[in-house]
Amino acid sequence: MKAYLVTTGALFGLLCVSHIYFTVQALSMAHGSRGFAGLEAFVALVSGALSIWAWRLLARGAARA
């Protein structure tokens, strides 16, 4: 369970960072779509929350079992 939480926490963290990058890129383009940037920001928020959740479970010791 510990390896699973570390893996998912790291992968969702990387996914969050990449979507933040794509959000900034989409907003910086003159012809960028605001709807697309909003979707990217939403995915970044959800993946960031899942990453934090995995790391908190790991820190709480839920992986002992």
PDB file of N, CA and C in Angstrom:
ATOM      1  N   MET A   1       0.822  -1.185   0.000  1.00  0.00           N
ATOM      2  CA  MET A   1       0.000   0.000   0.000  1.00  0.00           C
ATOM      3  C   MET A   1       0.872   1.258   0.000  1.00  0.00           C
ATOM      4  N   LYS A   2       2.011   1.190   0.674  1.00  0.00           N
ATOM      5  CA  LYS A   2       2.900   2.353   0.729  1.00  0.00           C
ATOM      6  C   LYS A   2       3.425   2.705  -0.663  1.00  0.00           C
ATOM      7  N   ALA A   3       3.847   1.709  -1.408  1.00  0.00           N
ATOM      8  CA  ALA A   3       4.361   1.953  -2.764  1.00  0.00           C
ATOM      9  C   ALA A   3       3.274   2.521  -3.658  1.00  0.00           C
ATOM     10  N   TYR A   4       2.045   2.063  -3.487  1.00  0.00           N
ATOM     11  CA  TYR A   4       0.935   2.573  -4.275  1.00  0.00           C
ATOM     12  C   TYR A   4       0.704   4.053  -3.991  1.00  0.00           C
ATOM     13  N   LEU A   5       0.716   4.442  -2.719  1.00  0.00           N
ATOM     14  CA  LEU A   5       0.482   5.838  -2.364  1.00  0.00           C
ATOM     15  C   LEU A   5       1.611   6.742  -2.856  1.00  0.00           C
ATOM     16  N   VAL A   6       2.837   6.273  -2.779  1.00  0.00           N
ATOM     17  CA  VAL A   6       3.961   7.066  -3.278  1.00  0.00           C
ATOM     18  C   VAL A   6       3.846   7.230  -4.793  1.00  0.00           C
ATOM     19  N   THR A   7       3.511   6.151  -5.481  1.00  0.00           N
ATOM     20  CA  THR A   7       3.400   6.199  -6.938  1.00  0.00           C
ATOM     21  C   THR A   7       2.265   7.119  -7.380  1.00  0.00           C
ATOM     22  N   THR A   8       1.091   6.944  -6.795  1.00  0.00           N
ATOM     23  CA  THR A   8      -0.035   7.781  -7.208  1.00  0.00           C
ATOM     24  C   THR A   8       0.177   9.236  -6.798  1.00  0.00           C
ATOM     25  N   GLY A   9       0.756   9.480  -5.636  1.00  0.00           N
ATOM     26  CA  GLY A   9       1.035  10.848  -5.221  1.00  0.00           C
ATOM     27  C   GLY A   9       1.992  11.539  -6.171  1.00  0.00           C
ATOM     28  N   ALA A  10       3.028  10.825  -6.586  1.00  0.00           N
ATOM     29  CA  ALA A  10       4.005  11.407  -7.510  1.00  0.00           C
ATOM     30  C   ALA A  10       3.409  11.609  -8.903  1.00  0.00           C
ATOM     31  N   LEU A  11       2.670  10.623  -9.402  1.00  0.00           N
ATOM     32  CA  LEU A  11       2.091  10.746 -10.748  1.00  0.00           C
ATOM     33  C   LEU A  11       1.040  11.854 -10.817  1.00  0.00           C
ATOM     34  N   PHE A  12       0.174  11.931  -9.829  1.00  0.00           N
ATOM     35  CA  PHE A  12      -0.815  13.008  -9.835  1.00  0.00           C
ATOM     36  C   PHE A  12      -0.149  14.361  -9.638  1.00  0.00           C
ATOM     37  N   GLY A  13       0.947  14.419  -8.890  1.00  0.00           N
ATOM     38  CA  GLY A  13       1.687  15.664  -8.748  1.00  0.00           C
ATOM     39  C   GLY A  13       2.291  16.120 -10.068  1.00  0.00           C
ATOM     40  N   LEU A  14       2.875  15.182 -10.802  1.00  0.00           N
ATOM     41  CA  LEU A  14       3.423  15.511 -12.117  1.00  0.00           C
ATOM     42  C   LEU A  14       2.327  15.922 -13.090  1.00  0.00           C
ATOM     43  N   LEU A  15       1.205  15.255 -13.028  1.00  0.00           N
ATOM     44  CA  LEU A  15       0.076  15.609 -13.881  1.00  0.00           C
ATOM     45  C   LEU A  15      -0.412  17.021 -13.563  1.00  0.00           C
ATOM     46  N   CYS A  16      -0.457  17.362 -12.293  1.00  0.00           N
ATOM     47  CA  CYS A  16      -0.878  18.698 -11.881  1.00  0.00           C
ATOM     48  C   CYS A  16       0.080  19.762 -12.408  1.00  0.00           C
ATOM     49  N   VAL A  17       1.370  19.525 -12.258  1.00  0.00           N
ATOM     50  CA  VAL A  17       2.361  20.499 -12.726  1.00  0.00           C
ATOM     51  C   VAL A  17       2.278  20.668 -14.245  1.00  0.00           C
ATOM     52  N   SER A  18       2.117  19.570 -14.967  1.00  0.00           N
ATOM     53  CA  SER A  18       2.040  19.681 -16.425  1.00  0.00           C
ATOM     54  C   SER A  18       0.786  20.434 -16.865  1.00  0.00           C
ATOM     55  N   HIS A  19      -0.332  20.227 -16.185  1.00  0.00           N
ATOM     56  CA  HIS A  19      -1.548  20.944 -16.558  1.00  0.00           C
ATOM     57  C   HIS A  19      -1.483  22.419 -16.171  1.00  0.00           C
ATOM     58  N   ILE A  20      -0.789  22.746 -15.105  1.00  0.00           N
ATOM     59  CA  ILE A  20      -0.567  24.156 -14.780  1.00  0.00           C
ATOM     60  C   ILE A  20       0.262  24.806 -15.876  1.00  0.00           C
ATOM     61  N   TYR A  21       1.270  24.115 -16.343  1.00  0.00           N
ATOM     62  CA  TYR A  21       2.100  24.630 -17.437  1.00  0.00           C
ATOM     63  C   TYR A  21       1.262  24.868 -18.698  1.00  0.00           C
ATOM     64  N   PHE A  22       0.422  23.896 -19.061  1.00  0.00           N
ATOM     65  CA  PHE A  22      -0.403  24.039 -20.257  1.00  0.00           C
ATOM     66  C   PHE A  22      -1.454  25.137 -20.088  1.00  0.00           C
ATOM     67  N   THR A  23      -1.935  25.342 -18.862  1.00  0.00           N
ATOM     68  CA  THR A  23      -2.873  26.432 -18.607  1.00  0.00           C
ATOM     69  C   THR A  23      -2.209  27.770 -18.852  1.00  0.00           C
ATOM     70  N   VAL A  24      -0.997  27.934 -18.346  1.00  0.00           N
ATOM     71  CA  VAL A  24      -0.260  29.187 -18.548  1.00  0.00           C
ATOM     72  C   VAL A  24       0.022  29.389 -20.033  1.00  0.00           C
ATOM     73  N   GLN A  25       0.395  28.334 -20.725  1.00  0.00           N
ATOM     74  CA  GLN A  25       0.655  28.436 -22.164  1.00  0.00           C
ATOM     75  C   GLN A  25      -0.609  28.838 -22.926  1.00  0.00           C
ATOM     76  N   ALA A  26      -1.732  28.246 -22.583  1.00  0.00           N
ATOM     77  CA  ALA A  26      -2.980  28.546 -23.287  1.00  0.00           C
ATOM     78  C   ALA A  26      -3.425  29.982 -23.026  1.00  0.00           C
ATOM     79  N   LEU A  27      -3.216  30.469 -21.820  1.00  0.00           N
ATOM     80  CA  LEU A  27      -3.614  31.839 -21.505  1.00  0.00           C
ATOM     81  C   LEU A  27      -2.679  32.866 -22.119  1.00  0.00           C
ATOM     82  N   SER A  28      -1.425  32.483 -22.346  1.00  0.00           N
ATOM     83  CA  SER A  28      -0.466  33.440 -22.884  1.00  0.00           C
ATOM     84  C   SER A  28      -0.585  33.604 -24.399  1.00  0.00           C
ATOM     85  N   MET A  29      -1.205  32.656 -25.058  1.00  0.00           N
ATOM     86  CA  MET A  29      -1.374  32.764 -26.513  1.00  0.00           C
ATOM     87  C   MET A  29      -2.498  33.748 -26.817  1.00  0.00           C
ATOM     88  N   ALA A  30      -2.281  34.576 -27.819  1.00  0.00           N
ATOM     89  CA  ALA A  30      -3.267  35.597 -28.172  1.00  0.00           C
ATOM     90  C   ALA A  30      -4.567  34.975 -28.680  1.00  0.00           C
ATOM     91  N   HIS A  31      -4.475  33.854 -29.350  1.00  0.00           N
ATOM     92  CA  HIS A  31      -5.657  33.212 -29.904  1.00  0.00           C
ATOM     93  C   HIS A  31      -6.101  32.008 -29.079  1.00  0.00           C
ATOM     94  N   GLY A  32      -5.583  31.890 -27.868  1.00  0.00           N
ATOM     95  CA  GLY A  32      -5.924  30.762 -27.012  1.00  0.00           C
ATOM     96  C   GLY A  32      -7.372  30.798 -26.555  1.00  0.00           C
ATOM     97  N   SER A  33      -7.940  29.656 -26.393  1.00  0.00           N
ATOM     98  CA  SER A  33      -9.322  29.544 -25.975  1.00  0.00           C
ATOM     99  C   SER A  33      -9.409  29.576 -24.458  1.00  0.00           C
ATOM    100  N   ARG A  34     -10.252  30.437 -23.926  1.00  0.00           N
ATOM    101  CA  ARG A  34     -10.443  30.522 -22.477  1.00  0.00           C
ATOM    102  C   ARG A  34     -11.102  29.254 -21.939  1.00  0.00           C
ATOM    103  N   GLY A  35     -11.970  28.638 -22.738  1.00  0.00           N
ATOM    104  CA  GLY A  35     -12.616  27.406 -22.307  1.00  0.00           C
ATOM    105  C   GLY A  35     -11.609  26.279 -22.137  1.00  0.00           C
ATOM    106  N   PHE A  36     -10.664  26.201 -23.063  1.00  0.00           N
ATOM    107  CA  PHE A  36      -9.623  25.179 -22.971  1.00  0.00           C
ATOM    108  C   PHE A  36      -8.752  25.416 -21.740  1.00  0.00           C
ATOM    109  N   ALA A  37      -8.402  26.673 -21.487  1.00  0.00           N
ATOM    110  CA  ALA A  37      -7.581  26.996 -20.318  1.00  0.00           C
ATOM    111  C   ALA A  37      -8.340  26.688 -19.035  1.00  0.00           C
ATOM    112  N   GLY A  38      -9.642  26.920 -19.035  1.00  0.00           N
ATOM    113  CA  GLY A  38     -10.454  26.599 -17.861  1.00  0.00           C
ATOM    114  C   GLY A  38     -10.497  25.106 -17.595  1.00  0.00           C
ATOM    115  N   LEU A  39     -10.596  24.321 -18.656  1.00  0.00           N
ATOM    116  CA  LEU A  39     -10.587  22.870 -18.512  1.00  0.00           C
ATOM    117  C   LEU A  39      -9.235  22.389 -17.992  1.00  0.00           C
ATOM    118  N   GLU A  40      -8.162  22.945 -18.518  1.00  0.00           N
ATOM    119  CA  GLU A  40      -6.821  22.587 -18.051  1.00  0.00           C
ATOM    120  C   GLU A  40      -6.655  22.936 -16.566  1.00  0.00           C
ATOM    121  N   ALA A  41      -7.161  24.095 -16.174  1.00  0.00           N
ATOM    122  CA  ALA A  41      -7.065  24.507 -14.773  1.00  0.00           C
ATOM    123  C   ALA A  41      -7.875  23.577 -13.876  1.00  0.00           C
ATOM    124  N   PHE A  42      -9.034  23.135 -14.346  1.00  0.00           N
ATOM    125  CA  PHE A  42      -9.855  22.207 -13.571  1.00  0.00           C
ATOM    126  C   PHE A  42      -9.146  20.868 -13.390  1.00  0.00           C
ATOM    127  N   VAL A  43      -8.554  20.358 -14.453  1.00  0.00           N
ATOM    128  CA  VAL A  43      -7.825  19.086 -14.363  1.00  0.00           C
ATOM    129  C   VAL A  43      -6.623  19.234 -13.430  1.00  0.00           C
ATOM    130  N   ALA A  44      -5.955  20.379 -13.465  1.00  0.00           N
ATOM    131  CA  ALA A  44      -4.832  20.629 -12.563  1.00  0.00           C
ATOM    132  C   ALA A  44      -5.299  20.644 -11.115  1.00  0.00           C
ATOM    133  N   LEU A  45      -6.443  21.252 -10.864  1.00  0.00           N
ATOM    134  CA  LEU A  45      -6.981  21.313  -9.508  1.00  0.00           C
ATOM    135  C   LEU A  45      -7.331  19.923  -8.983  1.00  0.00           C
ATOM    136  N   VAL A  46      -7.992  19.130  -9.804  1.00  0.00           N
ATOM    137  CA  VAL A  46      -8.398  17.785  -9.385  1.00  0.00           C
ATOM    138  C   VAL A  46      -7.174  16.890  -9.171  1.00  0.00           C
ATOM    139  N   SER A  47      -6.225  16.926 -10.092  1.00  0.00           N
ATOM    140  CA  SER A  47      -5.040  16.075  -9.930  1.00  0.00           C
ATOM    141  C   SER A  47      -4.191  16.539  -8.750  1.00  0.00           C
ATOM    142  N   GLY A  48      -4.136  17.831  -8.499  1.00  0.00           N
ATOM    143  CA  GLY A  48      -3.423  18.325  -7.318  1.00  0.00           C
ATOM    144  C   GLY A  48      -4.077  17.855  -6.031  1.00  0.00           C
ATOM    145  N   ALA A  49      -5.402  17.878  -6.001  1.00  0.00           N
ATOM    146  CA  ALA A  49      -6.121  17.405  -4.814  1.00  0.00           C
ATOM    147  C   ALA A  49      -5.896  15.913  -4.583  1.00  0.00           C
ATOM    148  N   LEU A  50      -5.891  15.130  -5.646  1.00  0.00           N
ATOM    149  CA  LEU A  50      -5.642  13.692  -5.508  1.00  0.00           C
ATOM    150  C   LEU A  50      -4.214  13.416  -5.048  1.00  0.00           C
ATOM    151  N   SER A  51      -3.272  14.212  -5.522  1.00  0.00           N
ATOM    152  CA  SER A  51      -1.890  14.053  -5.095  1.00  0.00           C
ATOM    153  C   SER A  51      -1.737  14.375  -3.607  1.00  0.00           C
ATOM    154  N   ILE A  52      -2.333  15.470  -3.185  1.00  0.00           N
ATOM    155  CA  ILE A  52      -2.264  15.846  -1.765  1.00  0.00           C
ATOM    156  C   ILE A  52      -2.932  14.789  -0.902  1.00  0.00           C
ATOM    157  N   TRP A  53      -4.046  14.262  -1.365  1.00  0.00           N
ATOM    158  CA  TRP A  53      -4.749  13.222  -0.625  1.00  0.00           C
ATOM    159  C   TRP A  53      -3.867  11.986  -0.445  1.00  0.00           C
ATOM    160  N   ALA A  54      -3.174  11.571  -1.496  1.00  0.00           N
ATOM    161  CA  ALA A  54      -2.291  10.401  -1.408  1.00  0.00           C
ATOM    162  C   ALA A  54      -1.145  10.647  -0.432  1.00  0.00           C
ATOM    163  N   TRP A  55      -0.527  11.829  -0.496  1.00  0.00           N
ATOM    164  CA  TRP A  55       0.586  12.120   0.410  1.00  0.00           C
ATOM    165  C   TRP A  55       0.122  12.233   1.860  1.00  0.00           C
ATOM    166  N   ARG A  56      -1.088  12.761   2.080  1.00  0.00           N
ATOM    167  CA  ARG A  56      -1.604  12.855   3.448  1.00  0.00           C
ATOM    168  C   ARG A  56      -1.896  11.470   4.013  1.00  0.00           C
ATOM    169  N   LEU A  57      -2.449  10.586   3.184  1.00  0.00           N
ATOM    170  CA  LEU A  57      -2.678   9.215   3.637  1.00  0.00           C
ATOM    171  C   LEU A  57      -1.370   8.520   3.986  1.00  0.00           C
ATOM    172  N   LEU A  58      -0.369   8.760   3.193  1.00  0.00           N
ATOM    173  CA  LEU A  58       0.941   8.167   3.452  1.00  0.00           C
ATOM    174  C   LEU A  58       1.534   8.700   4.754  1.00  0.00           C
ATOM    175  N   ALA A  59       1.403  10.006   4.969  1.00  0.00           N
ATOM    176  CA  ALA A  59       1.953  10.613   6.183  1.00  0.00           C
ATOM    177  C   ALA A  59       1.187  10.185   7.432  1.00  0.00           C
ATOM    178  N   ARG A  60      -0.100   9.941   7.279  1.00  0.00           N
ATOM    179  CA  ARG A  60      -0.914   9.526   8.425  1.00  0.00           C
ATOM    180  C   ARG A  60      -0.647   8.094   8.835  1.00  0.00           C
ATOM    181  N   GLY A  61      -0.002   7.354   8.004  1.00  0.00           N
ATOM    182  CA  GLY A  61       0.317   5.968   8.340  1.00  0.00           C
ATOM    183  C   GLY A  61      -0.763   4.984   7.923  1.00  0.00           C
ATOM    184  N   ALA A  62      -1.588   5.364   6.983  1.00  0.00           N
ATOM    185  CA  ALA A  62      -2.631   4.466   6.514  1.00  0.00           C
ATOM    186  C   ALA A  62      -2.056   3.325   5.709  1.00  0.00           C
ATOM    187  N   ALA A  63      -0.785   3.416   5.367  1.00  0.00           N
ATOM    188  CA  ALA A  63      -0.161   2.393   4.533  1.00  0.00           C
ATOM    189  C   ALA A  63       0.456   1.272   5.355  1.00  0.00           C
ATOM    190  N   ARG A  64       0.241   1.254   6.643  1.00  0.00           N
ATOM    191  CA  ARG A  64       0.848   0.224   7.485  1.00  0.00           C
ATOM    192  C   ARG A  64       0.247  -1.155   7.240  1.00  0.00           C
ATOM    193  N   ALA A  65      -1.004  -1.182   6.857  1.00  0.00           N
ATOM    194  CA  ALA A  65      -1.704  -2.475   6.721  1.00  0.00           C
ATOM    195  C   ALA A  65      -1.268  -3.224   5.487  1.00  0.00           C
TER     196      ALA A  65
END
